Protein backbone atom coordinates (compact mmCIF):
# COMPACT_ATOMS: atom_id res chain seq x y z
CA MET A 1 -51.49 -58.48 -3.66
CA ALA A 2 -52.18 -61.79 -5.16
CA ARG A 3 -50.41 -60.73 -8.08
CA ASN A 4 -46.83 -60.88 -6.33
CA GLU A 5 -47.74 -64.21 -5.28
CA LEU A 6 -48.59 -65.72 -8.44
CA ARG A 7 -46.17 -63.92 -10.48
CA PRO A 8 -43.07 -63.55 -8.76
CA VAL A 9 -40.03 -61.86 -9.99
CA ILE A 10 -37.17 -64.36 -10.96
CA LYS A 11 -33.44 -64.18 -11.69
CA LEU A 12 -32.04 -65.83 -14.82
CA ARG A 13 -28.33 -66.75 -14.05
CA SER A 14 -25.98 -67.58 -17.05
CA THR A 15 -24.72 -71.24 -17.31
CA ALA A 16 -21.40 -69.97 -18.60
CA GLY A 17 -20.19 -68.91 -15.41
CA THR A 18 -20.10 -65.03 -16.47
CA GLY A 19 -22.67 -64.18 -13.81
CA TYR A 20 -24.70 -62.07 -16.00
CA THR A 21 -28.38 -62.23 -15.13
CA TYR A 22 -31.80 -61.20 -16.57
CA VAL A 23 -34.61 -60.36 -14.25
CA THR A 24 -38.18 -61.33 -15.48
CA ARG A 25 -41.42 -62.70 -13.95
CA LYS A 26 -42.99 -66.16 -14.40
CA ASN A 27 -46.48 -67.69 -13.84
CA ARG A 28 -46.34 -70.15 -10.81
CA ARG A 29 -49.23 -71.90 -11.94
CA THR A 30 -48.46 -72.91 -15.31
CA THR A 31 -44.37 -73.31 -14.67
CA PRO A 32 -43.83 -74.70 -11.23
CA ASP A 33 -40.66 -75.94 -12.08
CA ARG A 34 -37.58 -73.75 -12.69
CA LEU A 35 -37.40 -71.84 -15.90
CA THR A 36 -34.68 -72.40 -18.43
CA LEU A 37 -34.32 -70.14 -21.46
CA ASN A 38 -31.93 -69.74 -24.42
CA LYS A 39 -30.64 -66.02 -24.05
CA TYR A 40 -27.85 -63.62 -25.17
CA ASP A 41 -24.94 -63.36 -22.74
CA PRO A 42 -22.86 -60.05 -23.73
CA ILE A 43 -19.72 -60.91 -21.87
CA ILE A 44 -18.98 -63.91 -23.97
CA ARG A 45 -21.02 -62.77 -26.88
CA LYS A 46 -22.96 -65.97 -27.46
CA HIS A 47 -26.52 -67.50 -26.66
CA VAL A 48 -26.32 -69.74 -23.60
CA GLU A 49 -28.87 -71.22 -21.27
CA PHE A 50 -29.92 -69.28 -18.61
CA ARG A 51 -31.71 -71.02 -15.42
CA GLU A 52 -33.64 -69.80 -12.70
CA ASP A 53 -31.72 -68.69 -9.90
CA ARG A 54 -33.51 -68.64 -6.40
């Protein structure tokens, strides 16, 4: 079960405050810090920054 430890499932939460989330996986070895991605938030209909939520 090394796969679950190395590539955990994470939630990306919108910084716009809408509460919208994306679910994805990340590699802990290559990105040990919290992940931030620009993605589409359908509630406000704009691209905003999504940060990793633990």
